C-alpha atoms as a PDB file:
ATOM      1  CA  MET A   1      17.749  58.371  20.885  1.00  0.00           C
ATOM      2  CA  LEU A   2      17.845  56.838  17.427  1.00  0.00           C
ATOM      3  CA  PRO A   3      14.720  54.980  16.197  1.00  0.00           C
ATOM      4  CA  ILE A   4      14.606  51.245  16.683  1.00  0.00           C
ATOM      5  CA  LEU A   5      14.731  49.369  13.364  1.00  0.00           C
ATOM      6  CA  THR A   6      11.819  46.979  13.870  1.00  0.00           C
ATOM      7  CA  THR A   7      10.702  46.454  10.249  1.00  0.00           C
ATOM      8  CA  PRO A   8      13.674  44.316   9.166  1.00  0.00           C
ATOM      9  CA  VAL A   9      13.308  42.286  12.349  1.00  0.00           C
ATOM     10  CA  ARG A  10       9.648  41.589  11.654  1.00  0.00           C
ATOM     11  CA  TRP A  11      10.421  40.758   8.029  1.00  0.00           C
ATOM     12  CA  LEU A  12      13.171  38.340   8.967  1.00  0.00           C
ATOM     13  CA  SER A  13      11.016  36.880  11.707  1.00  0.00           C
ATOM     14  CA  ALA A  14       8.210  36.216   9.246  1.00  0.00           C
ATOM     15  CA  LEU A  15      10.594  34.536   6.829  1.00  0.00           C
ATOM     16  CA  SER A  16      12.104  32.445   9.588  1.00  0.00           C
ATOM     17  CA  LEU A  17       8.735  31.330  10.895  1.00  0.00           C
ATOM     18  CA  SER A  18       7.632  30.551   7.351  1.00  0.00           C
ATOM     19  CA  ALA A  19      10.679  28.374   6.762  1.00  0.00           C
ATOM     20  CA  LEU A  20      10.212  26.574  10.069  1.00  0.00           C
ATOM     21  CA  SER A  21       6.514  26.128   9.401  1.00  0.00           C
ATOM     22  CA  LEU A  22       7.304  24.617   6.011  1.00  0.00           C
ATOM     23  CA  ALA A  23       9.652  22.144   7.660  1.00  0.00           C
ATOM     24  CA  ALA A  24       7.038  21.248  10.284  1.00  0.00           C
ATOM     25  CA  GLN A  25       4.156  20.635   7.871  1.00  0.00           C
ATOM     26  CA  ALA A  26       3.028  17.087   7.146  1.00  0.00           C
ATOM     27  CA  ALA A  27       5.674  15.951   4.713  1.00  0.00           C
ATOM     28  CA  PRO A  28       6.150  12.794   2.662  1.00  0.00           C
ATOM     29  CA  VAL A  29       7.082   9.797   4.781  1.00  0.00           C
ATOM     30  CA  GLN A  30       8.743   6.494   4.127  1.00  0.00           C
ATOM     31  CA  VAL A  31       6.306   3.631   4.591  1.00  0.00           C
ATOM     32  CA  SER A  32       7.787   0.167   5.037  1.00  0.00           C
ATOM     33  CA  VAL A  33       5.268  -2.507   4.078  1.00  0.00           C
ATOM     34  CA  THR A  34       5.892  -6.055   5.301  1.00  0.00           C
ATOM     35  CA  ILE A  35       3.821  -8.948   3.991  1.00  0.00           C
ATOM     36  CA  GLU A  36       3.594 -12.387   5.633  1.00  0.00           C
ATOM     37  CA  ASN A  37       2.040 -15.653   4.552  1.00  0.00           C
ATOM     38  CA  LEU A  38       0.385 -17.036   7.690  1.00  0.00           C
ATOM     39  CA  ALA A  39      -1.168 -20.126   6.098  1.00  0.00           C
ATOM     40  CA  ARG A  40       0.009 -23.622   7.007  1.00  0.00           C
ATOM     41  CA  ALA A  41       2.986 -25.074   5.124  1.00  0.00           C
ATOM     42  CA  ASP A  42       1.068 -27.291   2.671  1.00  0.00           C
ATOM     43  CA  SER A  43      -1.708 -24.791   2.000  1.00  0.00           C
ATOM     44  CA  ILE A  44      -2.060 -21.636  -0.094  1.00  0.00           C
ATOM     45  CA  GLY A  45       0.535 -19.211  -1.343  1.00  0.00           C
ATOM     46  CA  PHE A  46       0.220 -15.783  -2.908  1.00  0.00           C
ATOM     47  CA  ALA A  47       1.340 -14.103  -6.093  1.00  0.00           C
ATOM     48  CA  PRO A  48       3.012 -10.648  -5.871  1.00  0.00           C
ATOM     49  CA  LEU A  49       1.051  -8.075  -3.881  1.00  0.00           C
ATOM     50  CA  HIS A  50      -0.104  -5.020  -5.834  1.00  0.00           C
ATOM     51  CA  VAL A  51      -0.357  -1.981  -3.578  1.00  0.00           C
ATOM     52  CA  GLY A  52      -1.439   1.608  -3.885  1.00  0.00           C
ATOM     53  CA  PHE A  53      -1.498   4.599  -1.557  1.00  0.00           C
ATOM     54  CA  GLY A  54      -4.172   6.936  -2.873  1.00  0.00           C
ATOM     55  CA  ASN A  55      -7.080   9.265  -2.200  1.00  0.00           C
ATOM     56  CA  GLY A  56      -9.716   6.524  -2.153  1.00  0.00           C
ATOM     57  CA  THR A  57     -10.962   6.895  -5.728  1.00  0.00           C
ATOM     58  CA  PHE A  58      -9.712   3.746  -7.473  1.00  0.00           C
ATOM     59  CA  ASP A  59     -12.198   0.894  -7.030  1.00  0.00           C
ATOM     60  CA  ALA A  60     -11.054  -2.342  -8.716  1.00  0.00           C
ATOM     61  CA  PHE A  61     -14.082  -4.502  -7.934  1.00  0.00           C
ATOM     62  CA  ASN A  62     -17.362  -4.768  -6.078  1.00  0.00           C
ATOM     63  CA  GLU A  63     -18.938  -7.762  -4.366  1.00  0.00           C
ATOM     64  CA  GLY A  64     -21.784  -9.262  -6.341  1.00  0.00           C
ATOM     65  CA  GLN A  65     -20.838  -7.509  -9.578  1.00  0.00           C
ATOM     66  CA  THR A  66     -19.190  -8.666 -12.797  1.00  0.00           C
ATOM     67  CA  PRO A  67     -15.392  -8.586 -12.399  1.00  0.00           C
ATOM     68  CA  THR A  68     -13.532  -5.754 -14.082  1.00  0.00           C
ATOM     69  CA  ALA A  69     -10.426  -6.110 -16.229  1.00  0.00           C
ATOM     70  CA  PRO A  70      -8.173  -4.691 -13.472  1.00  0.00           C
ATOM     71  CA  ILE A  71      -9.139  -7.307 -10.887  1.00  0.00           C
ATOM     72  CA  ILE A  72      -9.161 -10.110 -13.461  1.00  0.00           C
ATOM     73  CA  SER A  73      -5.549  -9.251 -14.290  1.00  0.00           C
ATOM     74  CA  VAL A  74      -4.701  -9.889 -10.628  1.00  0.00           C
ATOM     75  CA  ALA A  75      -6.940 -12.903 -10.005  1.00  0.00           C
ATOM     76  CA  GLU A  76      -6.006 -14.812 -13.169  1.00  0.00           C
ATOM     77  CA  GLY A  77      -2.239 -15.065 -13.056  1.00  0.00           C
ATOM     78  CA  GLY A  78      -1.322 -12.301 -10.623  1.00  0.00           C
ATOM     79  CA  SER A  79       0.318  -9.913 -13.097  1.00  0.00           C
ATOM     80  CA  GLY A  80      -1.903  -6.909 -12.415  1.00  0.00           C
ATOM     81  CA  SER A  81      -1.256  -5.788 -16.000  1.00  0.00           C
ATOM     82  CA  ALA A  82      -4.577  -3.916 -16.038  1.00  0.00           C
ATOM     83  CA  TRP A  83      -4.788  -3.141 -12.302  1.00  0.00           C
ATOM     84  CA  GLN A  84      -1.727  -0.912 -12.221  1.00  0.00           C
ATOM     85  CA  PRO A  85      -2.611   1.245 -15.280  1.00  0.00           C
ATOM     86  CA  ALA A  86      -6.208   1.593 -14.103  1.00  0.00           C
ATOM     87  CA  PHE A  87      -5.020   2.811 -10.707  1.00  0.00           C
ATOM     88  CA  GLU A  88      -2.703   5.329 -12.350  1.00  0.00           C
ATOM     89  CA  ALA A  89      -5.478   6.604 -14.611  1.00  0.00           C
ATOM     90  CA  ALA A  90      -7.889   7.029 -11.710  1.00  0.00           C
ATOM     91  CA  GLU A  91      -5.328   8.569  -9.346  1.00  0.00           C
ATOM     92  CA  PRO A  92      -2.301  10.107 -11.103  1.00  0.00           C
ATOM     93  CA  LEU A  93      -0.820  11.317  -7.786  1.00  0.00           C
ATOM     94  CA  ALA A  94      -1.029   7.937  -6.062  1.00  0.00           C
ATOM     95  CA  THR A  95       2.012   5.930  -5.002  1.00  0.00           C
ATOM     96  CA  ARG A  96       1.840   2.417  -6.445  1.00  0.00           C
ATOM     97  CA  GLY A  97       4.043  -0.652  -6.472  1.00  0.00           C
ATOM     98  CA  VAL A  98       4.425  -4.410  -6.368  1.00  0.00           C
ATOM     99  CA  ILE A  99       5.900  -6.483  -3.554  1.00  0.00           C
ATOM    100  CA  GLY A 100       7.342  -9.566  -5.206  1.00  0.00           C
ATOM    101  CA  GLY A 101       6.282 -13.167  -4.890  1.00  0.00           C
ATOM    102  CA  PRO A 102       5.304 -15.932  -4.887  1.00  0.00           C
ATOM    103  CA  LEU A 103       4.948 -15.801  -1.125  1.00  0.00           C
ATOM    104  CA  LEU A 104       4.854 -19.278   0.417  1.00  0.00           C
ATOM    105  CA  SER A 105       3.961 -20.280   3.957  1.00  0.00           C
ATOM    106  CA  GLY A 106       6.153 -18.599   6.575  1.00  0.00           C
ATOM    107  CA  GLN A 107       7.790 -16.242   4.111  1.00  0.00           C
ATOM    108  CA  THR A 108       7.921 -12.467   4.504  1.00  0.00           C
ATOM    109  CA  ARG A 109       8.931  -9.589   2.286  1.00  0.00           C
ATOM    110  CA  THR A 110       9.365  -5.892   2.951  1.00  0.00           C
ATOM    111  CA  GLN A 111       9.387  -2.924   0.608  1.00  0.00           C
ATOM    112  CA  THR A 112       9.527   0.799   1.337  1.00  0.00           C
ATOM    113  CA  PHE A 113       7.477   3.461  -0.440  1.00  0.00           C
ATOM    114  CA  LEU A 114       7.611   7.262  -0.392  1.00  0.00           C
ATOM    115  CA  VAL A 115       4.096   8.478   0.406  1.00  0.00           C
ATOM    116  CA  ASP A 116       2.522  11.916   0.827  1.00  0.00           C
ATOM    117  CA  PRO A 117      -0.027  11.350   3.641  1.00  0.00           C
ATOM    118  CA  ALA A 118      -1.692  14.700   2.983  1.00  0.00           C
ATOM    119  CA  VAL A 119      -2.769  13.501  -0.467  1.00  0.00           C
ATOM    120  CA  ASN A 120      -2.715   9.706  -0.300  1.00  0.00           C
ATOM    121  CA  ARG A 121      -4.320   8.595   2.964  1.00  0.00           C
ATOM    122  CA  TYR A 122      -5.862   5.314   1.834  1.00  0.00           C
ATOM    123  CA  PHE A 123      -4.271   1.920   1.193  1.00  0.00           C
ATOM    124  CA  THR A 124      -5.471  -0.501  -1.487  1.00  0.00           C
ATOM    125  CA  PHE A 125      -4.112  -3.969  -2.235  1.00  0.00           C
ATOM    126  CA  ALA A 126      -4.702  -7.092  -4.311  1.00  0.00           C
ATOM    127  CA  ALA A 127      -2.912 -10.417  -4.803  1.00  0.00           C
ATOM    128  CA  MET A 128      -3.779 -13.733  -6.420  1.00  0.00           C
ATOM    129  CA  VAL A 129      -4.209 -16.773  -4.196  1.00  0.00           C
ATOM    130  CA  ILE A 130      -2.263 -19.784  -5.469  1.00  0.00           C
ATOM    131  CA  PRO A 131      -3.068 -22.406  -6.524  1.00  0.00           C
ATOM    132  CA  SER A 132      -6.319 -21.256  -8.068  1.00  0.00           C
ATOM    133  CA  ASN A 133      -7.999 -20.214 -11.285  1.00  0.00           C
ATOM    134  CA  ASP A 134      -9.167 -16.759 -10.185  1.00  0.00           C
ATOM    135  CA  PHE A 135      -9.033 -16.421  -6.395  1.00  0.00           C
ATOM    136  CA  PHE A 136      -7.543 -13.333  -4.771  1.00  0.00           C
ATOM    137  CA  ILE A 137      -7.329 -11.148  -1.682  1.00  0.00           C
ATOM    138  CA  GLY A 138      -8.005  -7.422  -1.676  1.00  0.00           C
ATOM    139  CA  ASN A 139     -10.200  -4.636  -0.324  1.00  0.00           C
ATOM    140  CA  ASP A 140     -13.625  -4.142  -1.894  1.00  0.00           C
ATOM    141  CA  SER A 141     -14.021  -0.495  -0.864  1.00  0.00           C
ATOM    142  CA  PRO A 142     -11.167   1.929  -1.676  1.00  0.00           C
ATOM    143  CA  LEU A 143     -12.028   3.753   1.572  1.00  0.00           C
ATOM    144  CA  GLU A 144     -11.754   0.654   3.749  1.00  0.00           C
ATOM    145  CA  HIS A 145      -8.190   1.214   4.964  1.00  0.00           C
ATOM    146  CA  ARG A 146      -7.490   4.834   5.899  1.00  0.00           C
ATOM    147  CA  LEU A 147      -3.798   4.631   6.698  1.00  0.00           C
ATOM    148  CA  PHE A 148      -3.224   8.250   7.764  1.00  0.00           C
ATOM    149  CA  ASN A 149      -5.262  10.855   9.619  1.00  0.00           C
ATOM    150  CA  ALA A 150      -5.468  14.543   8.688  1.00  0.00           C
ATOM    151  CA  ALA A 151      -2.249  15.249  10.591  1.00  0.00           C
ATOM    152  CA  GLY A 152      -0.372  12.584   8.644  1.00  0.00           C
ATOM    153  CA  ASP A 153      -0.144  10.146  11.546  1.00  0.00           C
ATOM    154  CA  LEU A 154      -0.262   6.393  10.895  1.00  0.00           C
ATOM    155  CA  GLN A 155      -3.643   4.955  11.932  1.00  0.00           C
ATOM    156  CA  ILE A 156      -3.236   1.296  10.978  1.00  0.00           C
ATOM    157  CA  ASN A 157      -0.331  -0.868  12.081  1.00  0.00           C
ATOM    158  CA  ALA A 158      -1.433  -4.045  10.303  1.00  0.00           C
ATOM    159  CA  ILE A 159      -4.142  -5.605   8.138  1.00  0.00           C
ATOM    160  CA  THR A 160      -4.815  -9.290   8.760  1.00  0.00           C
ATOM    161  CA  VAL A 161      -6.626 -11.307   6.107  1.00  0.00           C
ATOM    162  CA  LYS A 162      -8.571 -14.435   7.079  1.00  0.00           C
ATOM    163  CA  ALA A 163      -9.535 -17.409   4.918  1.00  0.00           C
ATOM    164  CA  ARG A 164     -13.136 -16.169   4.782  1.00  0.00           C
ATOM    165  CA  ASP A 165     -11.836 -12.967   3.148  1.00  0.00           C
ATOM    166  CA  ILE A 166     -10.656 -14.801   0.013  1.00  0.00           C
ATOM    167  CA  TRP A 167     -12.483 -13.678  -3.125  1.00  0.00           C
ATOM    168  CA  ASN A 168     -13.496 -15.639  -6.191  1.00  0.00           C
ATOM    169  CA  ALA A 169     -13.411 -13.254  -9.161  1.00  0.00           C
ATOM    170  CA  GLY A 170     -16.056 -15.284 -11.002  1.00  0.00           C
ATOM    171  CA  SER A 171     -14.217 -14.811 -14.275  1.00  0.00           C
ATOM    172  CA  GLU A 172     -12.716 -18.289 -14.812  1.00  0.00           C
ATOM    173  CA  ALA A 173     -14.336 -21.642 -14.217  1.00  0.00           C
ATOM    174  CA  PHE A 174     -12.755 -23.947 -11.657  1.00  0.00           C
ATOM    175  CA  SER A 175     -10.434 -26.595 -13.114  1.00  0.00           C
ATOM    176  CA  VAL A 176      -7.176 -28.270 -12.205  1.00  0.00           C
ATOM    177  CA  ALA A 177      -6.023 -28.031 -15.824  1.00  0.00           C
ATOM    178  CA  GLY A 178      -6.192 -24.228 -15.786  1.00  0.00           C
ATOM    179  CA  ALA A 179      -4.992 -23.555 -12.256  1.00  0.00           C
ATOM    180  CA  ALA A 180      -1.845 -21.540 -11.714  1.00  0.00           C
ATOM    181  CA  PHE A 181       0.942 -22.959  -9.509  1.00  0.00           C
ATOM    182  CA  LEU A 182       0.057 -26.610 -10.044  1.00  0.00           C
ATOM    183  CA  VAL A 183       2.329 -29.078 -11.818  1.00  0.00           C
ATOM    184  CA  ASN A 184      -0.751 -30.404 -13.641  1.00  0.00           C
ATOM    185  CA  GLY A 185      -2.139 -26.929 -14.327  1.00  0.00           C
ATOM    186  CA  SER A 186      -1.419 -24.300 -16.967  1.00  0.00           C
ATOM    187  CA  ASN A 187      -2.508 -20.721 -16.375  1.00  0.00           C
ATOM    188  CA  PRO A 188      -3.282 -19.933 -20.060  1.00  0.00           C
ATOM    189  CA  VAL A 189      -5.766 -22.814 -20.134  1.00  0.00           C
ATOM    190  CA  ARG A 190      -9.059 -21.292 -19.074  1.00  0.00           C
ATOM    191  CA  SER A 191     -12.786 -21.197 -19.692  1.00  0.00           C
ATOM    192  CA  ASP A 192     -15.081 -18.303 -18.898  1.00  0.00           C
ATOM    193  CA  GLU A 193     -17.271 -18.607 -15.837  1.00  0.00           C
ATOM    194  CA  GLY A 194     -19.428 -15.555 -16.386  1.00  0.00           C
ATOM    195  CA  GLY A 195     -19.937 -15.113 -12.666  1.00  0.00           C
ATOM    196  CA  VAL A 196     -19.666 -12.284 -10.167  1.00  0.00           C
ATOM    197  CA  VAL A 197     -17.140 -11.423  -7.473  1.00  0.00           C
ATOM    198  CA  ARG A 198     -17.945 -13.247  -4.237  1.00  0.00           C
ATOM    199  CA  PHE A 199     -16.308 -14.681  -1.143  1.00  0.00           C
ATOM    200  CA  ASN A 200     -15.199 -18.291  -1.573  1.00  0.00           C
ATOM    201  CA  PHE A 201     -12.408 -20.229   0.081  1.00  0.00           C
ATOM    202  CA  SER A 202     -13.975 -23.682   0.362  1.00  0.00           C
ATOM    203  CA  GLU A 203     -13.544 -24.393  -3.351  1.00  0.00           C
ATOM    204  CA  LEU A 204      -9.771 -24.410  -2.865  1.00  0.00           C
ATOM    205  CA  ALA A 205     -10.142 -27.889  -1.354  1.00  0.00           C
ATOM    206  CA  GLY A 206     -10.728 -29.089  -4.912  1.00  0.00           C
ATOM    207  CA  PHE A 207      -6.956 -28.871  -5.435  1.00  0.00           C
ATOM    208  CA  ASN A 208      -6.142 -31.142  -2.490  1.00  0.00           C
ATOM    209  CA  GLY A 209      -3.661 -33.864  -3.438  1.00  0.00           C
ATOM    210  CA  GLN A 210      -2.220 -31.892  -6.360  1.00  0.00           C
ATOM    211  CA  THR A 211       1.515 -31.239  -6.505  1.00  0.00           C
ATOM    212  CA  THR A 212       2.434 -27.564  -6.570  1.00  0.00           C
ATOM    213  CA  ALA A 213       5.196 -25.832  -8.501  1.00  0.00           C
ATOM    214  CA  ALA A 214       7.069 -25.514  -5.199  1.00  0.00           C
ATOM    215  CA  GLY A 215       7.096 -29.302  -4.856  1.00  0.00           C
ATOM    216  CA  TYR A 216       4.696 -29.836  -1.957  1.00  0.00           C
ATOM    217  CA  VAL A 217       1.391 -31.680  -2.140  1.00  0.00           C
ATOM    218  CA  PHE A 218      -1.418 -29.212  -1.646  1.00  0.00           C
ATOM    219  CA  ASN A 219      -3.911 -29.474   1.208  1.00  0.00           C
ATOM    220  CA  SER A 220      -5.967 -26.324   1.758  1.00  0.00           C
ATOM    221  CA  ASN A 221      -7.176 -27.339   5.230  1.00  0.00           C
ATOM    222  CA  LEU A 222      -8.659 -23.878   5.720  1.00  0.00           C
ATOM    223  CA  ALA A 223     -11.242 -22.721   8.248  1.00  0.00           C
ATOM    224  CA  GLY A 224     -12.927 -19.386   7.755  1.00  0.00           C
ATOM    225  CA  SER A 225     -11.391 -17.866  10.879  1.00  0.00           C
ATOM    226  CA  ASP A 226      -7.815 -18.855   9.966  1.00  0.00           C
ATOM    227  CA  ASP A 227      -5.350 -15.995   9.545  1.00  0.00           C
ATOM    228  CA  ILE A 228      -3.696 -16.395   6.154  1.00  0.00           C
ATOM    229  CA  TYR A 229      -1.984 -13.081   5.342  1.00  0.00           C
ATOM    230  CA  ARG A 230      -0.722 -10.016   7.154  1.00  0.00           C
ATOM    231  CA  ILE A 231       0.291  -6.594   5.856  1.00  0.00           C
ATOM    232  CA  SER A 232       2.197  -4.474   8.399  1.00  0.00           C
ATOM    233  CA  PHE A 233       3.170  -0.820   8.211  1.00  0.00           C
ATOM    234  CA  GLN A 234       5.951   1.267   9.718  1.00  0.00           C
ATOM    235  CA  THR A 235       6.726   4.880   8.926  1.00  0.00           C
ATOM    236  CA  SER A 236       9.878   6.938   9.170  1.00  0.00           C
ATOM    237  CA  ALA A 237      10.597  10.562   8.394  1.00  0.00           C
ATOM    238  CA  VAL A 238      12.218  11.611   5.150  1.00  0.00           C
ATOM    239  CA  PRO A 239      15.175  13.954   5.832  1.00  0.00           C
ATOM    240  CA  GLU A 240      14.417  17.503   4.767  1.00  0.00           C
ATOM    241  CA  PRO A 241      16.532  18.833   1.898  1.00  0.00           C
ATOM    242  CA  GLN A 242      19.776  20.271   3.239  1.00  0.00           C
ATOM    243  CA  SER A 243      19.104  23.549   1.480  1.00  0.00           C
ATOM    244  CA  LEU A 244      15.906  24.111   3.474  1.00  0.00           C
ATOM    245  CA  ALA A 245      17.677  23.445   6.744  1.00  0.00           C
ATOM    246  CA  LEU A 246      20.514  25.804   5.836  1.00  0.00           C
ATOM    247  CA  THR A 247      18.045  28.483   4.778  1.00  0.00           C
ATOM    248  CA  ALA A 248      16.187  28.272   8.084  1.00  0.00           C
ATOM    249  CA  MET A 249      19.459  28.386  10.050  1.00  0.00           C
ATOM    250  CA  GLY A 250      20.675  31.366   8.030  1.00  0.00           C
ATOM    251  CA  LEU A 251      17.480  33.310   8.595  1.00  0.00           C
ATOM    252  CA  LEU A 252      17.576  32.623  12.310  1.00  0.00           C
ATOM    253  CA  THR A 253      21.196  33.758  12.479  1.00  0.00           C
ATOM    254  CA  MET A 254      20.355  36.985  10.647  1.00  0.00           C
ATOM    255  CA  LEU A 255      17.400  37.520  12.958  1.00  0.00           C
ATOM    256  CA  GLY A 256      19.613  37.129  16.004  1.00  0.00           C
ATOM    257  CA  LEU A 257      22.156  39.597  14.668  1.00  0.00           C
ATOM    258  CA  GLN A 258      19.463  42.144  13.810  1.00  0.00           C
ATOM    259  CA  ARG A 259      17.945  41.880  17.281  1.00  0.00           C
ATOM    260  CA  ARG A 260      21.319  42.484  18.903  1.00  0.00           C
ATOM    261  CA  ARG A 261      21.826  45.541  16.692  1.00  0.00           C
ATOM    262  CA  GLY A 262      18.383  46.811  17.682  1.00  0.00           C
ATOM    263  CA  LYS A 263      19.255  46.513  21.344  1.00  0.00           C
ATOM    264  CA  SER A 264      22.509  48.472  20.763  1.00  0.00           C
ATOM    265  CA  VAL A 265      20.629  51.290  19.043  1.00  0.00           C
ATOM    266  CA  THR A 266      18.159  51.446  21.929  1.00  0.00           C
ATOM    267  CA  LYS A 267      20.942  51.917  24.430  1.00  0.00           C
ATOM    268  CA  ALA A 268      22.378  54.731  22.344  1.00  0.00           C
END
């Protein structure tokens, strides 16, 4: 009886299992982010939403502390011109983006991002509230919203923001003349407040009766428990590269052929 050739079989088996294991590992996923303005029709709107999927390092602001340049760039005008670079500097591997605005009452927008859940498990966001001088929504702690678990599974389906969650950056003094999104306001017109970041939605009532850039007369009419904004998440798999699939199929085919040959030799 001739010896059974087991070494090539084991070698091919190892390669095949390795290829299949690679395909089965937590891989980048497509994350569709939908934003909704839940506020009443004549109330607040929102500037573009700045988002980041990261490792929980980037911290744009802290309650009770002097506002940083990154959060000021969101709260005063909504551009995020300092927020985005600061996020990139803190977390070079993060996935970042902007979901366009302004977002008025009843409007929704959706954008899809490619995210590696093994590296970027946490979600961070910030958007200016309009009309205002320096009001915004966003998460204080970068670890507040852990979107994925260790296996890469989605843990949060939606984040709902209430009126009591609106922040005042404390960087610009309240005034109609300097408020963004008002016909009688001009965003470049500002005066320093020298304050700290704190919760504040009641001050928005100071804009009641003002005509907005969208043409409606503003009336905040907000209660602290009112839902004003929702961020929803859905994930879908990213197709594996065709080459990886073909490689795995080829290895399995070779393994099958080698096993059949081994059985033939045994019978001999």
